[in-house]
PDB file of N, CA and C in Angstrom:
ATOM      1  N   MET A   1      24.450  94.113  35.230  1.00  0.00           N
ATOM      2  CA  MET A   1      23.739  94.286  36.463  1.00  0.00           C
ATOM      3  C   MET A   1      22.235  94.095  36.213  1.00  0.00           C
ATOM      4  N   TYR A   2      21.581  93.570  37.215  1.00  0.00           N
ATOM      5  CA  TYR A   2      20.137  93.426  37.118  1.00  0.00           C
ATOM      6  C   TYR A   2      19.521  93.847  38.444  1.00  0.00           C
ATOM      7  N   THR A   3      18.234  94.150  38.399  1.00  0.00           N
ATOM      8  CA  THR A   3      17.497  94.460  39.616  1.00  0.00           C
ATOM      9  C   THR A   3      16.199  93.662  39.622  1.00  0.00           C
ATOM     10  N   VAL A   4      15.696  93.419  40.816  1.00  0.00           N
ATOM     11  CA  VAL A   4      14.394  92.783  40.999  1.00  0.00           C
ATOM     12  C   VAL A   4      13.637  93.663  41.989  1.00  0.00           C
ATOM     13  N   ASP A   5      12.454  94.170  41.590  1.00  0.00           N
ATOM     14  CA  ASP A   5      11.706  95.054  42.485  1.00  0.00           C
ATOM     15  C   ASP A   5      10.673  94.278  43.309  1.00  0.00           C
ATOM     16  N   GLU A   6       9.876  95.002  44.080  1.00  0.00           N
ATOM     17  CA  GLU A   6       8.906  94.379  44.984  1.00  0.00           C
ATOM     18  C   GLU A   6       7.794  93.625  44.260  1.00  0.00           C
ATOM     19  N   ASN A   7       7.611  93.888  42.968  1.00  0.00           N
ATOM     20  CA  ASN A   7       6.622  93.153  42.166  1.00  0.00           C
ATOM     21  C   ASN A   7       7.254  91.993  41.393  1.00  0.00           C
ATOM     22  N   ASN A   8       8.499  91.674  41.710  1.00  0.00           N
ATOM     23  CA  ASN A   8       9.286  90.631  41.038  1.00  0.00           C
ATOM     24  C   ASN A   8       9.650  90.999  39.604  1.00  0.00           C
ATOM     25  N   THR A   9       9.551  92.277  39.240  1.00  0.00           N
ATOM     26  CA  THR A   9       9.983  92.711  37.907  1.00  0.00           C
ATOM     27  C   THR A   9      11.500  92.675  37.858  1.00  0.00           C
ATOM     28  N   ILE A  10      12.019  91.959  36.878  1.00  0.00           N
ATOM     29  CA  ILE A  10      13.462  91.890  36.656  1.00  0.00           C
ATOM     30  C   ILE A  10      13.808  92.879  35.554  1.00  0.00           C
ATOM     31  N   THR A  11      14.789  93.741  35.810  1.00  0.00           N
ATOM     32  CA  THR A  11      15.297  94.663  34.799  1.00  0.00           C
ATOM     33  C   THR A  11      16.763  94.324  34.586  1.00  0.00           C
ATOM     34  N   ILE A  12      17.131  94.095  33.314  1.00  0.00           N
ATOM     35  CA  ILE A  12      18.498  93.688  33.001  1.00  0.00           C
ATOM     36  C   ILE A  12      18.934  94.329  31.684  1.00  0.00           C
ATOM     37  N   VAL A  13      20.206  94.669  31.603  1.00  0.00           N
ATOM     38  CA  VAL A  13      20.764  95.224  30.378  1.00  0.00           C
ATOM     39  C   VAL A  13      20.919  94.094  29.352  1.00  0.00           C
ATOM     40  N   LYS A  14      20.541  94.387  28.124  1.00  0.00           N
ATOM     41  CA  LYS A  14      20.649  93.419  27.029  1.00  0.00           C
ATOM     42  C   LYS A  14      22.061  92.831  26.989  1.00  0.00           C
ATOM     43  N   LYS A  15      22.139  91.518  26.872  1.00  0.00           N
ATOM     44  CA  LYS A  15      23.367  90.722  26.783  1.00  0.00           C
ATOM     45  C   LYS A  15      24.150  90.618  28.082  1.00  0.00           C
ATOM     46  N   ASP A  16      23.583  91.095  29.203  1.00  0.00           N
ATOM     47  CA  ASP A  16      24.235  90.884  30.491  1.00  0.00           C
ATOM     48  C   ASP A  16      23.891  89.490  31.011  1.00  0.00           C
ATOM     49  N   THR A  17      24.679  89.011  31.964  1.00  0.00           N
ATOM     50  CA  THR A  17      24.415  87.732  32.611  1.00  0.00           C
ATOM     51  C   THR A  17      23.836  87.966  34.000  1.00  0.00           C
ATOM     52  N   ALA A  18      23.167  86.952  34.528  1.00  0.00           N
ATOM     53  CA  ALA A  18      22.577  87.079  35.860  1.00  0.00           C
ATOM     54  C   ALA A  18      22.446  85.710  36.513  1.00  0.00           C
ATOM     55  N   TYR A  19      22.597  85.689  37.831  1.00  0.00           N
ATOM     56  CA  TYR A  19      22.359  84.518  38.664  1.00  0.00           C
ATOM     57  C   TYR A  19      21.229  84.832  39.622  1.00  0.00           C
ATOM     58  N   PHE A  20      20.238  83.946  39.700  1.00  0.00           N
ATOM     59  CA  PHE A  20      19.143  84.081  40.660  1.00  0.00           C
ATOM     60  C   PHE A  20      19.154  82.856  41.558  1.00  0.00           C
ATOM     61  N   SER A  21      19.179  83.070  42.852  1.00  0.00           N
ATOM     62  CA  SER A  21      19.081  81.970  43.806  1.00  0.00           C
ATOM     63  C   SER A  21      17.640  81.863  44.272  1.00  0.00           C
ATOM     64  N   ILE A  22      17.106  80.646  44.240  1.00  0.00           N
ATOM     65  CA  ILE A  22      15.715  80.408  44.616  1.00  0.00           C
ATOM     66  C   ILE A  22      15.673  79.391  45.753  1.00  0.00           C
ATOM     67  N   SER A  23      15.005  79.777  46.822  1.00  0.00           N
ATOM     68  CA  SER A  23      14.699  78.835  47.903  1.00  0.00           C
ATOM     69  C   SER A  23      13.267  79.133  48.346  1.00  0.00           C
ATOM     70  N   LEU A  24      12.649  78.172  48.953  1.00  0.00           N
ATOM     71  CA  LEU A  24      11.256  78.318  49.374  1.00  0.00           C
ATOM     72  C   LEU A  24      11.163  78.224  50.891  1.00  0.00           C
ATOM     73  N   ASP A  25      10.260  78.998  51.468  1.00  0.00           N
ATOM     74  CA  ASP A  25      10.073  78.979  52.919  1.00  0.00           C
ATOM     75  C   ASP A  25       9.378  77.708  53.399  1.00  0.00           C
ATOM     76  N   ASN A  26       8.469  77.172  52.570  1.00  0.00           N
ATOM     77  CA  ASN A  26       7.635  76.063  53.029  1.00  0.00           C
ATOM     78  C   ASN A  26       7.927  74.729  52.331  1.00  0.00           C
ATOM     79  N   TYR A  27       9.053  74.671  51.609  1.00  0.00           N
ATOM     80  CA  TYR A  27       9.386  73.431  50.892  1.00  0.00           C
ATOM     81  C   TYR A  27      10.879  73.435  50.594  1.00  0.00           C
ATOM     82  N   GLU A  28      11.518  72.296  50.779  1.00  0.00           N
ATOM     83  CA  GLU A  28      12.933  72.179  50.439  1.00  0.00           C
ATOM     84  C   GLU A  28      13.083  71.454  49.106  1.00  0.00           C
ATOM     85  N   LEU A  29      13.652  72.153  48.124  1.00  0.00           N
ATOM     86  CA  LEU A  29      13.884  71.555  46.809  1.00  0.00           C
ATOM     87  C   LEU A  29      14.791  70.343  46.955  1.00  0.00           C
ATOM     88  N   MET A  30      14.466  69.263  46.210  1.00  0.00           N
ATOM     89  CA  MET A  30      15.210  68.007  46.368  1.00  0.00           C
ATOM     90  C   MET A  30      15.297  67.246  45.058  1.00  0.00           C
ATOM     91  N   ASP A  31      16.081  66.172  45.058  1.00  0.00           N
ATOM     92  CA  ASP A  31      16.214  65.318  43.880  1.00  0.00           C
ATOM     93  C   ASP A  31      14.841  64.901  43.383  1.00  0.00           C
ATOM     94  N   GLY A  32      14.661  64.953  42.075  1.00  0.00           N
ATOM     95  CA  GLY A  32      13.399  64.589  41.462  1.00  0.00           C
ATOM     96  C   GLY A  32      12.509  65.788  41.172  1.00  0.00           C
ATOM     97  N   ASP A  33      12.796  66.930  41.805  1.00  0.00           N
ATOM     98  CA  ASP A  33      12.052  68.156  41.529  1.00  0.00           C
ATOM     99  C   ASP A  33      12.594  68.815  40.267  1.00  0.00           C
ATOM    100  N   ILE A  34      11.746  69.585  39.614  1.00  0.00           N
ATOM    101  CA  ILE A  34      12.155  70.363  38.439  1.00  0.00           C
ATOM    102  C   ILE A  34      11.652  71.784  38.625  1.00  0.00           C
ATOM    103  N   LEU A  35      12.576  72.729  38.557  1.00  0.00           N
ATOM    104  CA  LEU A  35      12.241  74.143  38.620  1.00  0.00           C
ATOM    105  C   LEU A  35      12.438  74.708  37.220  1.00  0.00           C
ATOM    106  N   THR A  36      11.404  75.340  36.651  1.00  0.00           N
ATOM    107  CA  THR A  36      11.471  75.837  35.277  1.00  0.00           C
ATOM    108  C   THR A  36      11.265  77.338  35.253  1.00  0.00           C
ATOM    109  N   PHE A  37      12.241  78.051  34.689  1.00  0.00           N
ATOM    110  CA  PHE A  37      12.177  79.495  34.483  1.00  0.00           C
ATOM    111  C   PHE A  37      11.885  79.709  33.008  1.00  0.00           C
ATOM    112  N   THR A  38      10.777  80.402  32.701  1.00  0.00           N
ATOM    113  CA  THR A  38      10.349  80.592  31.319  1.00  0.00           C
ATOM    114  C   THR A  38      10.119  82.069  31.041  1.00  0.00           C
ATOM    115  N   VAL A  39      10.612  82.533  29.871  1.00  0.00           N
ATOM    116  CA  VAL A  39      10.396  83.898  29.408  1.00  0.00           C
ATOM    117  C   VAL A  39       9.658  83.834  28.078  1.00  0.00           C
ATOM    118  N   ALA A  40       8.617  84.674  27.938  1.00  0.00           N
ATOM    119  CA  ALA A  40       7.849  84.736  26.693  1.00  0.00           C
ATOM    120  C   ALA A  40       7.430  86.185  26.444  1.00  0.00           C
ATOM    121  N   LYS A  41       7.107  86.481  25.202  1.00  0.00           N
ATOM    122  CA  LYS A  41       6.661  87.827  24.855  1.00  0.00           C
ATOM    123  C   LYS A  41       5.268  88.098  25.422  1.00  0.00           C
ATOM    124  N   GLU A  42       4.429  87.072  25.448  1.00  0.00           N
ATOM    125  CA  GLU A  42       3.061  87.220  25.959  1.00  0.00           C
ATOM    126  C   GLU A  42       2.755  86.089  26.928  1.00  0.00           C
ATOM    127  N   LYS A  43       1.827  86.338  27.837  1.00  0.00           N
ATOM    128  CA  LYS A  43       1.393  85.293  28.760  1.00  0.00           C
ATOM    129  C   LYS A  43       0.760  84.157  27.972  1.00  0.00           C
ATOM    130  N   GLU A  44       0.921  82.948  28.480  1.00  0.00           N
ATOM    131  CA  GLU A  44       0.368  81.729  27.886  1.00  0.00           C
ATOM    132  C   GLU A  44       0.839  81.493  26.458  1.00  0.00           C
ATOM    133  N   SER A  45       2.025  81.985  26.135  1.00  0.00           N
ATOM    134  CA  SER A  45       2.603  81.765  24.811  1.00  0.00           C
ATOM    135  C   SER A  45       3.041  80.306  24.679  1.00  0.00           C
ATOM    136  N   GLN A  46       2.847  79.757  23.519  1.00  0.00           N
ATOM    137  CA  GLN A  46       3.295  78.395  23.241  1.00  0.00           C
ATOM    138  C   GLN A  46       4.745  78.366  22.748  1.00  0.00           C
ATOM    139  N   ASN A  47       5.339  79.554  22.601  1.00  0.00           N
ATOM    140  CA  ASN A  47       6.701  79.669  22.083  1.00  0.00           C
ATOM    141  C   ASN A  47       7.578  80.460  23.042  1.00  0.00           C
ATOM    142  N   PRO A  48       8.110  79.808  24.086  1.00  0.00           N
ATOM    143  CA  PRO A  48       8.972  80.542  25.009  1.00  0.00           C
ATOM    144  C   PRO A  48      10.248  81.013  24.315  1.00  0.00           C
ATOM    145  N   LEU A  49      10.714  82.177  24.722  1.00  0.00           N
ATOM    146  CA  LEU A  49      11.966  82.718  24.186  1.00  0.00           C
ATOM    147  C   LEU A  49      13.165  82.174  24.941  1.00  0.00           C
ATOM    148  N   VAL A  50      12.978  81.933  26.221  1.00  0.00           N
ATOM    149  CA  VAL A  50      14.021  81.371  27.088  1.00  0.00           C
ATOM    150  C   VAL A  50      13.343  80.385  28.015  1.00  0.00           C
ATOM    151  N   GLN A  51      13.973  79.228  28.205  1.00  0.00           N
ATOM    152  CA  GLN A  51      13.455  78.281  29.186  1.00  0.00           C
ATOM    153  C   GLN A  51      14.637  77.548  29.812  1.00  0.00           C
ATOM    154  N   LYS A  52      14.719  77.633  31.130  1.00  0.00           N
ATOM    155  CA  LYS A  52      15.779  76.983  31.898  1.00  0.00           C
ATOM    156  C   LYS A  52      15.143  75.993  32.853  1.00  0.00           C
ATOM    157  N   ARG A  53      15.623  74.752  32.821  1.00  0.00           N
ATOM    158  CA  ARG A  53      15.128  73.707  33.726  1.00  0.00           C
ATOM    159  C   ARG A  53      16.244  73.370  34.714  1.00  0.00           C
ATOM    160  N   ILE A  54      15.937  73.532  35.992  1.00  0.00           N
ATOM    161  CA  ILE A  54      16.905  73.278  37.050  1.00  0.00           C
ATOM    162  C   ILE A  54      16.496  71.980  37.749  1.00  0.00           C
ATOM    163  N   THR A  55      17.422  71.036  37.800  1.00  0.00           N
ATOM    164  CA  THR A  55      17.138  69.737  38.425  1.00  0.00           C
ATOM    165  C   THR A  55      18.136  69.393  39.527  1.00  0.00           C
ATOM    166  N   GLU A  56      19.117  70.262  39.744  1.00  0.00           N
ATOM    167  CA  GLU A  56      20.110  70.023  40.797  1.00  0.00           C
ATOM    168  C   GLU A  56      20.000  71.134  41.826  1.00  0.00           C
ATOM    169  N   PHE A  57      19.977  70.733  43.094  1.00  0.00           N
ATOM    170  CA  PHE A  57      19.774  71.675  44.184  1.00  0.00           C
ATOM    171  C   PHE A  57      20.824  71.432  45.255  1.00  0.00           C
ATOM    172  N   ASP A  58      21.265  72.501  45.891  1.00  0.00           N
ATOM    173  CA  ASP A  58      22.249  72.403  46.961  1.00  0.00           C
ATOM    174  C   ASP A  58      21.584  72.850  48.261  1.00  0.00           C
ATOM    175  N   GLU A  59      21.277  71.890  49.117  1.00  0.00           N
ATOM    176  CA  GLU A  59      20.612  72.151  50.389  1.00  0.00           C
ATOM    177  C   GLU A  59      19.339  72.972  50.207  1.00  0.00           C
ATOM    178  N   GLY A  60      18.517  72.578  49.220  1.00  0.00           N
ATOM    179  CA  GLY A  60      17.236  73.227  48.978  1.00  0.00           C
ATOM    180  C   GLY A  60      17.317  74.518  48.183  1.00  0.00           C
ATOM    181  N   LEU A  61      18.477  74.830  47.655  1.00  0.00           N
ATOM    182  CA  LEU A  61      18.688  76.074  46.912  1.00  0.00           C
ATOM    183  C   LEU A  61      18.885  75.767  45.427  1.00  0.00           C
ATOM    184  N   ALA A  62      18.163  76.504  44.580  1.00  0.00           N
ATOM    185  CA  ALA A  62      18.320  76.387  43.125  1.00  0.00           C
ATOM    186  C   ALA A  62      18.978  77.661  42.608  1.00  0.00           C
ATOM    187  N   VAL A  63      19.813  77.523  41.586  1.00  0.00           N
ATOM    188  CA  VAL A  63      20.443  78.685  40.951  1.00  0.00           C
ATOM    189  C   VAL A  63      20.040  78.699  39.485  1.00  0.00           C
ATOM    190  N   ILE A  64      19.461  79.825  39.061  1.00  0.00           N
ATOM    191  CA  ILE A  64      19.112  80.030  37.663  1.00  0.00           C
ATOM    192  C   ILE A  64      20.142  80.969  37.084  1.00  0.00           C
ATOM    193  N   PHE A  65      20.796  80.547  36.011  1.00  0.00           N
ATOM    194  CA  PHE A  65      21.817  81.370  35.363  1.00  0.00           C
ATOM    195  C   PHE A  65      21.313  81.801  33.989  1.00  0.00           C
ATOM    196  N   LEU A  66      21.304  83.102  33.753  1.00  0.00           N
ATOM    197  CA  LEU A  66      20.988  83.636  32.431  1.00  0.00           C
ATOM    198  C   LEU A  66      22.290  84.070  31.787  1.00  0.00           C
ATOM    199  N   ASP A  67      22.564  83.523  30.606  1.00  0.00           N
ATOM    200  CA  ASP A  67      23.779  83.910  29.896  1.00  0.00           C
ATOM    201  C   ASP A  67      23.462  84.990  28.861  1.00  0.00           C
ATOM    202  N   THR A  68      24.474  85.422  28.127  1.00  0.00           N
ATOM    203  CA  THR A  68      24.291  86.526  27.177  1.00  0.00           C
ATOM    204  C   THR A  68      23.309  86.180  26.066  1.00  0.00           C
ATOM    205  N   GLU A  69      23.225  84.921  25.679  1.00  0.00           N
ATOM    206  CA  GLU A  69      22.243  84.518  24.663  1.00  0.00           C
ATOM    207  C   GLU A  69      20.817  84.642  25.198  1.00  0.00           C
ATOM    208  N   ASP A  70      20.634  84.317  26.471  1.00  0.00           N
ATOM    209  CA  ASP A  70      19.303  84.402  27.088  1.00  0.00           C
ATOM    210  C   ASP A  70      18.799  85.838  27.150  1.00  0.00           C
ATOM    211  N   THR A  71      19.700  86.791  27.360  1.00  0.00           N
ATOM    212  CA  THR A  71      19.289  88.196  27.499  1.00  0.00           C
ATOM    213  C   THR A  71      19.500  88.993  26.211  1.00  0.00           C
ATOM    214  N   ASN A  72      19.839  88.321  25.143  1.00  0.00           N
ATOM    215  CA  ASN A  72      19.997  88.983  23.848  1.00  0.00           C
ATOM    216  C   ASN A  72      18.632  89.083  23.164  1.00  0.00           C
ATOM    217  N   LEU A  73      17.729  89.793  23.821  1.00  0.00           N
ATOM    218  CA  LEU A  73      16.361  90.001  23.329  1.00  0.00           C
ATOM    219  C   LEU A  73      16.211  91.466  22.952  1.00  0.00           C
ATOM    220  N   ASP A  74      15.251  91.765  22.093  1.00  0.00           N
ATOM    221  CA  ASP A  74      14.974  93.154  21.749  1.00  0.00           C
ATOM    222  C   ASP A  74      14.606  93.936  23.007  1.00  0.00           C
ATOM    223  N   LYS A  75      14.992  95.187  23.041  1.00  0.00           N
ATOM    224  CA  LYS A  75      14.632  96.056  24.157  1.00  0.00           C
ATOM    225  C   LYS A  75      13.110  96.041  24.316  1.00  0.00           C
ATOM    226  N   GLY A  76      12.658  95.924  25.564  1.00  0.00           N
ATOM    227  CA  GLY A  76      11.224  95.921  25.809  1.00  0.00           C
ATOM    228  C   GLY A  76      10.843  95.061  26.990  1.00  0.00           C
ATOM    229  N   SER A  77       9.537  94.842  27.141  1.00  0.00           N
ATOM    230  CA  SER A  77       8.996  94.079  28.258  1.00  0.00           C
ATOM    231  C   SER A  77       8.554  92.691  27.818  1.00  0.00           C
ATOM    232  N   TYR A  78       8.830  91.730  28.669  1.00  0.00           N
ATOM    233  CA  TYR A  78       8.470  90.332  28.461  1.00  0.00           C
ATOM    234  C   TYR A  78       7.835  89.834  29.754  1.00  0.00           C
ATOM    235  N   TYR A  79       7.356  88.617  29.735  1.00  0.00           N
ATOM    236  CA  TYR A  79       6.821  87.983  30.936  1.00  0.00           C
ATOM    237  C   TYR A  79       7.676  86.773  31.283  1.00  0.00           C
ATOM    238  N   TYR A  80       7.764  86.490  32.572  1.00  0.00           N
ATOM    239  CA  TYR A  80       8.447  85.268  33.014  1.00  0.00           C
ATOM    240  C   TYR A  80       7.663  84.671  34.163  1.00  0.00           C
ATOM    241  N   ASP A  81       7.894  83.396  34.378  1.00  0.00           N
ATOM    242  CA  ASP A  81       7.424  82.757  35.599  1.00  0.00           C
ATOM    243  C   ASP A  81       8.413  81.676  35.989  1.00  0.00           C
ATOM    244  N   ILE A  82       8.253  81.213  37.208  1.00  0.00           N
ATOM    245  CA  ILE A  82       9.067  80.105  37.713  1.00  0.00           C
ATOM    246  C   ILE A  82       8.093  79.072  38.254  1.00  0.00           C
ATOM    247  N   GLN A  83       8.150  77.885  37.667  1.00  0.00           N
ATOM    248  CA  GLN A  83       7.230  76.808  38.045  1.00  0.00           C
ATOM    249  C   GLN A  83       8.001  75.672  38.686  1.00  0.00           C
ATOM    250  N   LEU A  84       7.428  75.120  39.730  1.00  0.00           N
ATOM    251  CA  LEU A  84       7.992  73.973  40.420  1.00  0.00           C
ATOM    252  C   LEU A  84       7.133  72.748  40.149  1.00  0.00           C
ATOM    253  N   ASN A  85       7.770  71.693  39.657  1.00  0.00           N
ATOM    254  CA  ASN A  85       7.146  70.372  39.544  1.00  0.00           C
ATOM    255  C   ASN A  85       7.866  69.492  40.565  1.00  0.00           C
ATOM    256  N   THR A  86       7.144  69.075  41.597  1.00  0.00           N
ATOM    257  CA  THR A  86       7.784  68.297  42.651  1.00  0.00           C
ATOM    258  C   THR A  86       7.911  66.829  42.256  1.00  0.00           C
ATOM    259  N   HIS A  87       8.795  66.152  42.947  1.00  0.00           N
ATOM    260  CA  HIS A  87       9.052  64.729  42.693  1.00  0.00           C
ATOM    261  C   HIS A  87       7.809  63.874  42.893  1.00  0.00           C
ATOM    262  N   ASP A  88       6.846  64.370  43.683  1.00  0.00           N
ATOM    263  CA  ASP A  88       5.633  63.584  43.937  1.00  0.00           C
ATOM    264  C   ASP A  88       4.420  64.074  43.139  1.00  0.00           C
ATOM    265  N   GLY A  89       4.675  64.884  42.076  1.00  0.00           N
ATOM    266  CA  GLY A  89       3.616  65.211  41.132  1.00  0.00           C
ATOM    267  C   GLY A  89       2.885  66.527  41.315  1.00  0.00           C
ATOM    268  N   LEU A  90       3.248  67.303  42.318  1.00  0.00           N
ATOM    269  CA  LEU A  90       2.587  68.592  42.505  1.00  0.00           C
ATOM    270  C   LEU A  90       3.175  69.634  41.549  1.00  0.00           C
ATOM    271  N   VAL A  91       2.358  70.577  41.122  1.00  0.00           N
ATOM    272  CA  VAL A  91       2.793  71.660  40.236  1.00  0.00           C
ATOM    273  C   VAL A  91       2.408  72.973  40.896  1.00  0.00           C
ATOM    274  N   ASP A  92       3.382  73.893  41.001  1.00  0.00           N
ATOM    275  CA  ASP A  92       3.126  75.173  41.650  1.00  0.00           C
ATOM    276  C   ASP A  92       3.933  76.260  40.944  1.00  0.00           C
ATOM    277  N   THR A  93       3.258  77.293  40.477  1.00  0.00           N
ATOM    278  CA  THR A  93       3.953  78.451  39.922  1.00  0.00           C
ATOM    279  C   THR A  93       4.343  79.316  41.110  1.00  0.00           C
ATOM    280  N   ILE A  94       5.632  79.362  41.412  1.00  0.00           N
ATOM    281  CA  ILE A  94       6.087  80.022  42.636  1.00  0.00           C
ATOM    282  C   ILE A  94       6.396  81.507  42.435  1.00  0.00           C
ATOM    283  N   VAL A  95       6.607  81.938  41.180  1.00  0.00           N
ATOM    284  CA  VAL A  95       6.792  83.354  40.861  1.00  0.00           C
ATOM    285  C   VAL A  95       6.093  83.636  39.542  1.00  0.00           C
ATOM    286  N   GLY A  96       5.304  84.704  39.548  1.00  0.00           N
ATOM    287  CA  GLY A  96       4.748  85.173  38.291  1.00  0.00           C
ATOM    288  C   GLY A  96       3.345  84.708  38.004  1.00  0.00           C
ATOM    289  N   PRO A  97       2.938  85.094  36.812  1.00  0.00           N
ATOM    290  CA  PRO A  97       3.748  85.758  35.812  1.00  0.00           C
ATOM    291  C   PRO A  97       4.135  87.169  36.264  1.00  0.00           C
ATOM    292  N   ALA A  98       5.375  87.525  35.961  1.00  0.00           N
ATOM    293  CA  ALA A  98       5.918  88.834  36.299  1.00  0.00           C
ATOM    294  C   ALA A  98       6.633  89.374  35.063  1.00  0.00           C
ATOM    295  N   LYS A  99       7.057  90.625  35.140  1.00  0.00           N
ATOM    296  CA  LYS A  99       7.698  91.246  33.983  1.00  0.00           C
ATOM    297  C   LYS A  99       9.211  91.092  34.012  1.00  0.00           C
ATOM    298  N   LEU A 100       9.757  90.944  32.822  1.00  0.00           N
ATOM    299  CA  LEU A 100      11.195  90.984  32.585  1.00  0.00           C
ATOM    300  C   LEU A 100      11.421  92.125  31.606  1.00  0.00           C
ATOM    301  N   LYS A 101      12.202  93.114  32.016  1.00  0.00           N
ATOM    302  CA  LYS A 101      12.469  94.264  31.157  1.00  0.00           C
ATOM    303  C   LYS A 101      13.912  94.207  30.675  1.00  0.00           C
ATOM    304  N   ILE A 102      14.061  94.240  29.355  1.00  0.00           N
ATOM    305  CA  ILE A 102      15.384  94.305  28.732  1.00  0.00           C
ATOM    306  C   ILE A 102      15.623  95.767  28.373  1.00  0.00           C
ATOM    307  N   ILE A 103      16.734  96.306  28.883  1.00  0.00           N
ATOM    308  CA  ILE A 103      17.063  97.703  28.591  1.00  0.00           C
ATOM    309  C   ILE A 103      18.374  97.778  27.819  1.00  0.00           C
ATOM    310  N   GLU A 104      18.574  98.897  27.155  1.00  0.00           N
ATOM    311  CA  GLU A 104      19.803  99.102  26.399  1.00  0.00           C
ATOM    312  C   GLU A 104      20.951  99.439  27.335  1.00  0.00           C
ATOM    313  N   GLY A 105      22.132  99.013  26.924  1.00  0.00           N
ATOM    314  CA  GLY A 105      23.342  99.383  27.636  1.00  0.00           C
ATOM    315  C   GLY A 105      24.165 100.313  26.771  1.00  0.00           C
ATOM    316  N   VAL A 106      25.351 100.628  27.228  1.00  0.00           N
ATOM    317  CA  VAL A 106      26.259 101.471  26.464  1.00  0.00           C
ATOM    318  C   VAL A 106      27.361 100.623  25.849  1.00  0.00           C
ATOM    319  N   THR A 107      27.872  99.675  26.603  1.00  0.00           N
ATOM    320  CA  THR A 107      28.960  98.826  26.142  1.00  0.00           C
ATOM    321  C   THR A 107      28.443  97.456  25.760  1.00  0.00           C
ATOM    322  N   TYR A 108      28.823  96.979  24.562  1.00  0.00           N
ATOM    323  CA  TYR A 108      28.460  95.613  24.139  1.00  0.00           C
ATOM    324  C   TYR A 108      29.686  94.902  23.677  1.00  0.00           C
TER     325      TYR A 108
END
């Protein structure tokens, strides 16, 4: 299970999976666009811990899937953002930087 609060902080149990659906109010995601979800220990890190690139969209909707390898991080706080590179060359960070918190679970 995961939660997302009003500050876009994601809290997830270590090794859990998650699906995030992304759509925009003022733009419809389309062929040629790239949506990138990046997790790093520090802002502006040159070494992301997780990076997902989404290039397929269903009626303007993107789905980001985090698998158990993606969330197999040490307990603690990380940063993430979601960046959109449009087919016509625009770049927009649509979420973040925000926090990603990995918490301990009971069952692994």
